C-alpha atoms as a PDB file:
ATOM      1  CA  UNK A   1    -220.751 -20.808 -89.970  1.00  0.00           C
ATOM      2  CA  UNK A   2    -218.774 -23.477 -91.874  1.00  0.00           C
ATOM      3  CA  UNK A   3    -215.807 -21.176 -91.605  1.00  0.00           C
ATOM      4  CA  UNK A   4    -216.339 -20.586 -87.703  1.00  0.00           C
ATOM      5  CA  UNK A   5    -216.912 -24.189 -87.327  1.00  0.00           C
ATOM      6  CA  UNK A   6    -213.716 -24.951 -88.407  1.00  0.00           C
ATOM      7  CA  UNK A   7    -211.958 -22.325 -86.915  1.00  0.00           C
ATOM      8  CA  UNK A   8    -213.330 -23.692 -83.364  1.00  0.00           C
ATOM      9  CA  UNK A   9    -212.095 -27.095 -84.399  1.00  0.00           C
ATOM     10  CA  UNK A  10    -208.329 -26.152 -85.103  1.00  0.00           C
ATOM     11  CA  UNK A  11    -208.761 -24.038 -81.761  1.00  0.00           C
ATOM     12  CA  UNK A  12    -209.523 -27.188 -80.101  1.00  0.00           C
ATOM     13  CA  UNK A  13    -207.142 -29.057 -81.638  1.00  0.00           C
ATOM     14  CA  UNK A  14    -204.093 -26.540 -81.129  1.00  0.00           C
ATOM     15  CA  UNK A  15    -205.349 -26.557 -77.481  1.00  0.00           C
ATOM     16  CA  UNK A  16    -205.448 -30.490 -77.110  1.00  0.00           C
ATOM     17  CA  UNK A  17    -202.091 -30.341 -78.365  1.00  0.00           C
ATOM     18  CA  UNK A  18    -200.285 -28.081 -76.188  1.00  0.00           C
ATOM     19  CA  UNK A  19    -202.009 -29.902 -73.309  1.00  0.00           C
ATOM     20  CA  UNK A  20    -200.051 -33.230 -74.527  1.00  0.00           C
ATOM     21  CA  UNK A  21    -197.314 -31.550 -74.910  1.00  0.00           C
ATOM     22  CA  UNK A  22    -197.487 -29.668 -71.587  1.00  0.00           C
ATOM     23  CA  UNK A  23    -197.907 -33.073 -69.949  1.00  0.00           C
ATOM     24  CA  UNK A  24    -194.712 -34.721 -71.654  1.00  0.00           C
ATOM     25  CA  UNK A  25    -192.591 -32.267 -70.622  1.00  0.00           C
ATOM     26  CA  UNK A  26    -193.549 -32.336 -66.987  1.00  0.00           C
ATOM     27  CA  UNK A  27    -193.556 -36.040 -66.848  1.00  0.00           C
ATOM     28  CA  UNK A  28    -190.104 -36.006 -67.985  1.00  0.00           C
ATOM     29  CA  UNK A  29    -189.417 -33.273 -65.700  1.00  0.00           C
ATOM     30  CA  UNK A  30    -190.613 -35.496 -62.664  1.00  0.00           C
ATOM     31  CA  UNK A  31    -188.455 -38.777 -64.289  1.00  0.00           C
ATOM     32  CA  UNK A  32    -185.790 -36.164 -65.080  1.00  0.00           C
ATOM     33  CA  UNK A  33    -185.541 -35.199 -61.341  1.00  0.00           C
ATOM     34  CA  UNK A  34    -185.414 -39.171 -60.291  1.00  0.00           C
ATOM     35  CA  UNK A  35    -183.314 -39.990 -62.230  1.00  0.00           C
ATOM     36  CA  UNK A  36    -180.658 -36.753 -61.689  1.00  0.00           C
ATOM     37  CA  UNK A  37    -181.376 -38.293 -57.767  1.00  0.00           C
ATOM     38  CA  UNK A  38    -180.507 -41.273 -58.689  1.00  0.00           C
ATOM     39  CA  UNK A  39    -176.895 -40.535 -60.600  1.00  0.00           C
ATOM     40  CA  UNK A  40    -175.925 -38.247 -57.421  1.00  0.00           C
ATOM     41  CA  UNK A  41    -176.728 -41.445 -54.872  1.00  0.00           C
ATOM     42  CA  UNK A  42    -175.313 -43.937 -57.352  1.00  0.00           C
ATOM     43  CA  UNK A  43    -171.791 -41.038 -57.777  1.00  0.00           C
ATOM     44  CA  UNK A  44    -171.715 -40.170 -54.060  1.00  0.00           C
ATOM     45  CA  UNK A  45    -172.260 -44.333 -53.721  1.00  0.00           C
ATOM     46  CA  UNK A  46    -173.052 -44.101 -49.734  1.00  0.00           C
ATOM     47  CA  UNK A  47    -173.300 -47.729 -48.397  1.00  0.00           C
ATOM     48  CA  UNK A  48    -176.010 -49.194 -46.644  1.00  0.00           C
ATOM     49  CA  UNK A  49    -178.556 -46.550 -47.029  1.00  0.00           C
ATOM     50  CA  UNK A  50    -182.273 -47.848 -46.281  1.00  0.00           C
ATOM     51  CA  UNK A  51    -184.848 -48.210 -49.049  1.00  0.00           C
ATOM     52  CA  UNK A  52    -187.548 -46.036 -47.217  1.00  0.00           C
ATOM     53  CA  UNK A  53    -185.295 -43.106 -47.148  1.00  0.00           C
ATOM     54  CA  UNK A  54    -184.541 -43.792 -51.216  1.00  0.00           C
ATOM     55  CA  UNK A  55    -188.669 -44.254 -51.420  1.00  0.00           C
ATOM     56  CA  UNK A  56    -188.736 -40.885 -49.266  1.00  0.00           C
ATOM     57  CA  UNK A  57    -186.460 -38.850 -51.591  1.00  0.00           C
ATOM     58  CA  UNK A  58    -188.142 -40.112 -54.795  1.00  0.00           C
ATOM     59  CA  UNK A  59    -191.251 -38.878 -53.905  1.00  0.00           C
ATOM     60  CA  UNK A  60    -190.084 -35.430 -52.081  1.00  0.00           C
ATOM     61  CA  UNK A  61    -187.324 -34.891 -54.640  1.00  0.00           C
ATOM     62  CA  UNK A  62    -189.605 -34.744 -57.466  1.00  0.00           C
ATOM     63  CA  UNK A  63    -192.543 -32.707 -55.168  1.00  0.00           C
ATOM     64  CA  UNK A  64    -189.828 -30.155 -54.933  1.00  0.00           C
ATOM     65  CA  UNK A  65    -189.211 -29.497 -58.761  1.00  0.00           C
ATOM     66  CA  UNK A  66    -192.721 -29.852 -59.616  1.00  0.00           C
ATOM     67  CA  UNK A  67    -193.893 -27.132 -56.516  1.00  0.00           C
ATOM     68  CA  UNK A  68    -191.479 -25.071 -58.186  1.00  0.00           C
ATOM     69  CA  UNK A  69    -192.064 -25.346 -62.237  1.00  0.00           C
ATOM     70  CA  UNK A  70    -195.851 -24.618 -61.222  1.00  0.00           C
ATOM     71  CA  UNK A  71    -194.675 -21.714 -59.236  1.00  0.00           C
ATOM     72  CA  UNK A  72    -193.138 -20.406 -61.681  1.00  0.00           C
ATOM     73  CA  UNK A  73    -195.514 -21.751 -64.679  1.00  0.00           C
ATOM     74  CA  UNK A  74    -199.230 -22.113 -63.591  1.00  0.00           C
ATOM     75  CA  UNK A  75    -200.359 -25.812 -65.575  1.00  0.00           C
ATOM     76  CA  UNK A  76    -202.955 -28.136 -64.456  1.00  0.00           C
ATOM     77  CA  UNK A  77    -201.517 -30.436 -66.761  1.00  0.00           C
ATOM     78  CA  UNK A  78    -198.731 -30.688 -63.958  1.00  0.00           C
ATOM     79  CA  UNK A  79    -201.167 -32.096 -61.315  1.00  0.00           C
ATOM     80  CA  UNK A  80    -202.291 -35.275 -63.793  1.00  0.00           C
ATOM     81  CA  UNK A  81    -198.709 -36.759 -64.180  1.00  0.00           C
ATOM     82  CA  UNK A  82    -199.390 -38.990 -61.064  1.00  0.00           C
ATOM     83  CA  UNK A  83    -201.686 -40.894 -63.550  1.00  0.00           C
ATOM     84  CA  UNK A  84    -198.130 -42.242 -65.375  1.00  0.00           C
ATOM     85  CA  UNK A  85    -197.020 -43.282 -62.287  1.00  0.00           C
ATOM     86  CA  UNK A  86    -199.947 -45.440 -61.936  1.00  0.00           C
ATOM     87  CA  UNK A  87    -200.155 -47.070 -64.890  1.00  0.00           C
ATOM     88  CA  UNK A  88    -196.009 -47.939 -64.871  1.00  0.00           C
ATOM     89  CA  UNK A  89    -196.503 -49.472 -61.557  1.00  0.00           C
ATOM     90  CA  UNK A  90    -199.767 -51.286 -63.219  1.00  0.00           C
ATOM     91  CA  UNK A  91    -197.506 -52.119 -66.131  1.00  0.00           C
ATOM     92  CA  UNK A  92    -194.984 -53.973 -63.408  1.00  0.00           C
ATOM     93  CA  UNK A  93    -197.182 -55.343 -61.002  1.00  0.00           C
ATOM     94  CA  UNK A  94    -198.742 -57.656 -64.558  1.00  0.00           C
ATOM     95  CA  UNK A  95    -194.771 -58.023 -65.932  1.00  0.00           C
ATOM     96  CA  UNK A  96    -193.927 -59.387 -62.363  1.00  0.00           C
ATOM     97  CA  UNK A  97    -196.914 -61.408 -62.029  1.00  0.00           C
ATOM     98  CA  UNK A  98    -196.324 -63.407 -64.740  1.00  0.00           C
ATOM     99  CA  UNK A  99    -192.876 -64.463 -63.956  1.00  0.00           C
ATOM    100  CA  UNK A 100    -192.463 -67.810 -62.817  1.00  0.00           C
ATOM    101  CA  UNK A 101    -190.939 -69.200 -59.520  1.00  0.00           C
ATOM    102  CA  UNK A 102    -188.549 -71.234 -58.819  1.00  0.00           C
ATOM    103  CA  UNK A 103    -185.785 -71.666 -56.330  1.00  0.00           C
ATOM    104  CA  UNK A 104    -183.991 -68.156 -55.178  1.00  0.00           C
ATOM    105  CA  UNK A 105    -187.110 -66.660 -57.303  1.00  0.00           C
ATOM    106  CA  UNK A 106    -190.117 -66.148 -54.583  1.00  0.00           C
ATOM    107  CA  UNK A 107    -189.953 -69.421 -54.408  1.00  0.00           C
ATOM    108  CA  UNK A 108    -194.080 -70.656 -53.725  1.00  0.00           C
ATOM    109  CA  UNK A 109    -194.929 -67.082 -53.389  1.00  0.00           C
ATOM    110  CA  UNK A 110    -198.803 -65.994 -53.928  1.00  0.00           C
ATOM    111  CA  UNK A 111    -199.803 -62.584 -55.936  1.00  0.00           C
ATOM    112  CA  UNK A 112    -199.299 -60.514 -52.895  1.00  0.00           C
ATOM    113  CA  UNK A 113    -195.855 -61.786 -51.793  1.00  0.00           C
ATOM    114  CA  UNK A 114    -194.502 -61.775 -55.253  1.00  0.00           C
ATOM    115  CA  UNK A 115    -195.351 -57.990 -55.147  1.00  0.00           C
ATOM    116  CA  UNK A 116    -194.567 -56.685 -51.679  1.00  0.00           C
ATOM    117  CA  UNK A 117    -191.427 -58.588 -52.020  1.00  0.00           C
ATOM    118  CA  UNK A 118    -190.642 -57.084 -55.278  1.00  0.00           C
ATOM    119  CA  UNK A 119    -191.513 -53.827 -55.130  1.00  0.00           C
ATOM    120  CA  UNK A 120    -190.733 -52.977 -50.969  1.00  0.00           C
ATOM    121  CA  UNK A 121    -188.445 -55.744 -50.859  1.00  0.00           C
ATOM    122  CA  UNK A 122    -190.447 -56.497 -47.186  1.00  0.00           C
ATOM    123  CA  UNK A 123    -189.370 -59.219 -45.561  1.00  0.00           C
ATOM    124  CA  UNK A 124    -186.838 -59.784 -48.032  1.00  0.00           C
ATOM    125  CA  UNK A 125    -186.441 -59.327 -51.482  1.00  0.00           C
ATOM    126  CA  UNK A 126    -187.943 -61.558 -53.978  1.00  0.00           C
ATOM    127  CA  UNK A 127    -185.491 -62.319 -56.290  1.00  0.00           C
ATOM    128  CA  UNK A 128    -187.487 -61.881 -59.335  1.00  0.00           C
ATOM    129  CA  UNK A 129    -185.819 -58.763 -61.982  1.00  0.00           C
ATOM    130  CA  UNK A 130    -182.971 -59.521 -60.142  1.00  0.00           C
ATOM    131  CA  UNK A 131    -184.364 -57.716 -56.760  1.00  0.00           C
ATOM    132  CA  UNK A 132    -184.054 -54.540 -58.968  1.00  0.00           C
ATOM    133  CA  UNK A 133    -188.301 -54.056 -58.326  1.00  0.00           C
ATOM    134  CA  UNK A 134    -188.348 -50.581 -56.373  1.00  0.00           C
ATOM    135  CA  UNK A 135    -185.533 -49.357 -58.745  1.00  0.00           C
ATOM    136  CA  UNK A 136    -187.843 -50.372 -61.872  1.00  0.00           C
ATOM    137  CA  UNK A 137    -191.358 -50.120 -60.278  1.00  0.00           C
ATOM    138  CA  UNK A 138    -191.774 -48.732 -56.933  1.00  0.00           C
ATOM    139  CA  UNK A 139    -189.177 -45.692 -56.841  1.00  0.00           C
ATOM    140  CA  UNK A 140    -190.109 -43.717 -60.524  1.00  0.00           C
ATOM    141  CA  UNK A 141    -194.073 -44.364 -59.816  1.00  0.00           C
ATOM    142  CA  UNK A 142    -193.728 -42.548 -56.890  1.00  0.00           C
ATOM    143  CA  UNK A 143    -191.492 -39.679 -58.370  1.00  0.00           C
ATOM    144  CA  UNK A 144    -194.533 -39.122 -60.615  1.00  0.00           C
ATOM    145  CA  UNK A 145    -196.974 -38.939 -57.517  1.00  0.00           C
ATOM    146  CA  UNK A 146    -194.889 -36.766 -55.883  1.00  0.00           C
ATOM    147  CA  UNK A 147    -194.326 -34.387 -59.065  1.00  0.00           C
ATOM    148  CA  UNK A 148    -197.755 -34.172 -59.478  1.00  0.00           C
ATOM    149  CA  UNK A 149    -198.502 -33.645 -55.043  1.00  0.00           C
ATOM    150  CA  UNK A 150    -196.166 -30.842 -55.872  1.00  0.00           C
ATOM    151  CA  UNK A 151    -197.630 -29.041 -58.616  1.00  0.00           C
ATOM    152  CA  UNK A 152    -201.484 -29.297 -56.862  1.00  0.00           C
ATOM    153  CA  UNK A 153    -199.465 -27.533 -53.614  1.00  0.00           C
ATOM    154  CA  UNK A 154    -198.364 -24.873 -55.864  1.00  0.00           C
ATOM    155  CA  UNK A 155    -201.993 -24.243 -57.674  1.00  0.00           C
ATOM    156  CA  UNK A 156    -203.267 -24.166 -54.331  1.00  0.00           C
ATOM    157  CA  UNK A 157    -200.909 -21.539 -52.940  1.00  0.00           C
ATOM    158  CA  UNK A 158    -201.659 -19.528 -55.955  1.00  0.00           C
ATOM    159  CA  UNK A 159    -205.592 -19.754 -55.985  1.00  0.00           C
END
């Protein structure tokens, strides 16, 4: 009986490690697809692309990649990478909220203004983190969420 219990523990541990590796691979694929999009964008260097279009592409490109990858290899862990996106946006939000404000840096902004102006540049950029809020916070999180949605769509179609 002791050997059976030990085999079950090993089986559970190997399953858990396989899930962790799968989760890491899907996270890297989601972020990698977004980085590829950014590299293509910087290589082409089109002038004045609106940020909402970049946000939409940051969701759609990983969504398509997640859908294709999950169609090839069915894996429930692909649908969980949105959690990394959520954790990422929360970490960046805390960092932004702790930043001091001053002239040219969201002067006299409250917490909501700091976040909206940093992540979405609405109505104008906040000046915090060198106006790279969408690139550092919004677009990677959107990519992870998009990948998870694409994977979920692929899993639904198979079922």
